[in-house]
Amino acid sequence: MNAGDIEKIVKETIKAMDKYGGDIGFLESLRRFHLGEEKLELWINAYEEGGLSGIRALTETFRMDPQIAKEALKQIEDFFSVTWPSWQYRVARRYNSFIISIKISQKSDYFELCQLRYTPFDQKWHLFWKRDNGRWCPYVSDFNASGGLLWKTLYLVKLDEFGCFLE
């Protein structure tokens, strides 16, 4: 299924939720499109976070220009040096995504703080948090006025209004 098809399903689901009420509309879409609850919920979150770009960030992998990757690593370094200078962090990159792991104290182990995914067709960054089940989920925020800019997207980790990144 491509991102356009997923977008149509999400829009139909949102329409059904508005028409019949949240739970009933959601359940109707699960039946109508033969989907699992977690998958549809992820798609809706991705759409709320970034529209079609958010869905593509969730479902597709892209090659990243080396210069963009270099600039991103510099911005991540700057973010940590200003925001949490005493924390140790490391970044693992795979295709268009970066996983940032942190170590808060010498006695603690590294844990995965967040994932950033880049969509090259619109030059936007998308933020993901890790659920208890180990899956990455798009971070949807009331403050999400990042416009896809990396430094603003990283700042959402610091704001963390729902306690997704740091407990």
Protein backbone atom coordinates (compact mmCIF):
# COMPACT_ATOMS: atom_id res chain seq x y z
CA MET A 1 0.00 0.00 0.00
CA ASN A 2 1.44 3.39 -0.93
CA ALA A 3 1.36 6.63 1.06
CA GLY A 4 -1.45 8.07 -1.06
CA ASP A 5 -3.67 5.06 -0.31
CA ILE A 6 -2.88 5.35 3.39
CA GLU A 7 -3.72 9.07 3.32
CA LYS A 8 -7.13 8.28 1.79
CA ILE A 9 -7.85 5.69 4.50
CA VAL A 10 -6.84 8.15 7.23
CA LYS A 11 -9.02 10.91 5.78
CA GLU A 12 -11.99 8.51 5.55
CA THR A 13 -11.37 7.42 9.14
CA ILE A 14 -11.25 11.00 10.40
CA LYS A 15 -14.46 11.73 8.51
CA ALA A 16 -16.13 8.64 10.06
CA MET A 17 -14.89 9.62 13.53
CA ASP A 18 -16.39 13.10 13.10
CA LYS A 19 -19.68 11.70 11.77
CA TYR A 20 -20.26 8.75 14.15
CA GLY A 21 -18.10 9.70 17.12
CA GLY A 22 -14.45 8.88 17.75
CA ASP A 23 -14.60 5.25 18.86
CA ILE A 24 -17.44 4.17 16.59
CA GLY A 25 -15.91 5.84 13.52
CA PHE A 26 -12.52 4.33 14.29
CA LEU A 27 -13.97 0.83 14.71
CA GLU A 28 -15.96 1.23 11.50
CA SER A 29 -12.74 2.03 9.63
CA LEU A 30 -10.99 -0.99 11.14
CA ARG A 31 -13.74 -3.21 9.74
CA ARG A 32 -14.10 -1.40 6.44
CA PHE A 33 -10.40 -1.41 5.58
CA HIS A 34 -9.49 -4.72 7.31
CA LEU A 35 -6.80 -3.13 9.47
CA GLY A 36 -5.35 -3.69 12.90
CA GLU A 37 -5.96 -1.06 15.56
CA GLU A 38 -2.27 -0.27 16.11
CA LYS A 39 -1.56 0.22 12.39
CA LEU A 40 -4.48 2.59 11.85
CA GLU A 41 -3.58 4.52 14.99
CA LEU A 42 0.02 4.91 13.74
CA TRP A 43 -1.18 6.13 10.37
CA ILE A 44 -3.49 8.68 11.97
CA ASN A 45 -0.68 9.94 14.23
CA ALA A 46 1.67 10.23 11.27
CA TYR A 47 -0.95 12.16 9.32
CA GLU A 48 -1.71 14.47 12.26
CA GLU A 49 2.01 15.08 12.71
CA GLY A 50 2.87 15.90 9.11
CA GLY A 51 0.15 15.13 6.59
CA LEU A 52 1.28 13.07 3.60
CA SER A 53 4.89 13.84 4.52
CA GLY A 54 4.32 12.30 7.97
CA ILE A 55 2.85 9.16 6.42
CA ARG A 56 5.78 8.87 4.03
CA ALA A 57 8.24 9.38 6.92
CA LEU A 58 6.52 6.48 8.72
CA THR A 59 6.24 4.09 5.77
CA GLU A 60 9.14 4.81 3.40
CA THR A 61 12.92 4.88 3.48
CA PHE A 62 14.96 7.46 1.57
CA ARG A 63 18.60 8.03 0.78
CA MET A 64 19.97 11.12 2.50
CA ASP A 65 22.35 13.59 0.93
CA PRO A 66 25.67 13.38 2.84
CA GLN A 67 25.78 17.15 3.29
CA ILE A 68 22.33 17.18 4.89
CA ALA A 69 23.41 14.34 7.22
CA LYS A 70 26.54 16.28 8.19
CA GLU A 71 24.54 19.44 8.92
CA ALA A 72 22.02 17.42 10.94
CA LEU A 73 24.75 15.89 13.10
CA LYS A 74 26.10 19.38 13.79
CA GLN A 75 22.66 20.63 14.84
CA ILE A 76 22.19 17.62 17.12
CA GLU A 77 25.60 18.31 18.68
CA ASP A 78 24.70 21.98 19.19
CA PHE A 79 21.33 21.03 20.70
CA PHE A 80 22.88 18.75 23.31
CA SER A 81 25.72 21.12 24.15
CA VAL A 82 23.19 23.84 24.97
CA THR A 83 20.21 21.87 26.31
CA TRP A 84 21.79 18.99 28.23
CA PRO A 85 25.57 19.57 28.29
CA SER A 86 26.26 16.98 31.00
CA TRP A 87 24.54 14.12 29.15
CA GLN A 88 26.42 11.75 26.95
CA TYR A 89 24.70 10.96 23.68
CA ARG A 90 25.34 9.01 20.54
CA VAL A 91 23.68 9.02 17.16
CA ALA A 92 23.10 6.05 14.87
CA ARG A 93 22.13 6.82 11.29
CA ARG A 94 20.38 4.53 8.85
CA TYR A 95 19.22 5.91 5.51
CA ASN A 96 17.04 8.94 6.33
CA SER A 97 16.77 8.36 10.07
CA PHE A 98 18.82 9.09 13.15
CA ILE A 99 18.33 7.36 16.49
CA ILE A 100 19.63 9.42 19.41
CA SER A 101 20.58 7.48 22.52
CA ILE A 102 21.52 9.15 25.78
CA LYS A 103 23.32 8.30 28.98
CA ILE A 104 22.30 10.61 31.82
CA SER A 105 24.76 9.43 34.46
CA GLN A 106 27.92 7.34 34.62
CA LYS A 107 25.98 4.54 36.33
CA SER A 108 23.24 4.35 33.71
CA ASP A 109 23.26 2.64 30.34
CA TYR A 110 22.44 4.34 27.06
CA PHE A 111 18.78 4.32 26.13
CA GLU A 112 17.09 5.39 22.92
CA LEU A 113 15.68 8.86 23.44
CA CYS A 114 14.13 9.56 20.04
CA GLN A 115 14.24 8.96 16.35
CA LEU A 116 14.38 11.68 13.70
CA ARG A 117 13.34 10.92 10.12
CA TYR A 118 14.03 13.18 7.16
CA THR A 119 11.82 13.41 4.07
CA PRO A 120 13.94 14.79 1.22
CA PHE A 121 11.08 15.70 -1.12
CA ASP A 122 9.91 18.46 1.27
CA GLN A 123 13.08 18.82 3.44
CA LYS A 124 11.20 18.14 6.70
CA TRP A 125 12.23 16.38 9.89
CA HIS A 126 9.79 14.15 11.77
CA LEU A 127 10.08 13.15 15.41
CA PHE A 128 9.32 9.66 16.74
CA TRP A 129 9.20 8.26 20.28
CA LYS A 130 9.63 4.64 21.30
CA ARG A 131 6.65 2.83 22.78
CA ASP A 132 6.92 0.18 25.46
CA ASN A 133 6.46 -2.46 22.75
CA GLY A 134 9.67 -1.25 21.05
CA ARG A 135 7.99 0.36 18.05
CA TRP A 136 8.60 3.92 16.96
CA CYS A 137 5.54 6.16 16.88
CA PRO A 138 5.16 9.65 15.38
CA TYR A 139 5.20 12.32 18.08
CA VAL A 140 2.10 14.50 17.80
CA SER A 141 2.33 17.68 19.85
CA ASP A 142 0.18 20.70 20.52
CA PHE A 143 3.43 22.66 20.16
CA ASN A 144 4.22 21.05 16.81
CA ALA A 145 4.84 24.26 14.93
CA SER A 146 8.27 23.04 13.93
CA GLY A 147 7.64 23.38 10.21
CA GLY A 148 9.88 20.35 9.82
CA LEU A 149 12.99 22.28 10.86
CA LEU A 150 15.47 20.08 12.72
CA TRP A 151 16.28 22.44 15.60
CA LYS A 152 12.58 23.06 16.29
CA THR A 153 11.86 19.35 16.04
CA LEU A 154 14.62 18.61 18.57
CA TYR A 155 13.18 21.25 20.88
CA LEU A 156 9.97 19.19 21.07
CA VAL A 157 12.05 16.51 22.85
CA LYS A 158 12.91 19.05 25.53
CA LEU A 159 9.29 20.25 25.85
CA ASP A 160 8.00 16.65 25.95
CA GLU A 161 4.49 17.61 27.03
CA PHE A 162 3.33 13.96 27.26
CA GLY A 163 6.36 12.35 28.92
CA CYS A 164 7.18 10.21 25.89
CA PHE A 165 10.94 10.74 25.86
CA LEU A 166 12.01 11.15 29.47
CA GLU A 167 10.11 9.55 32.31
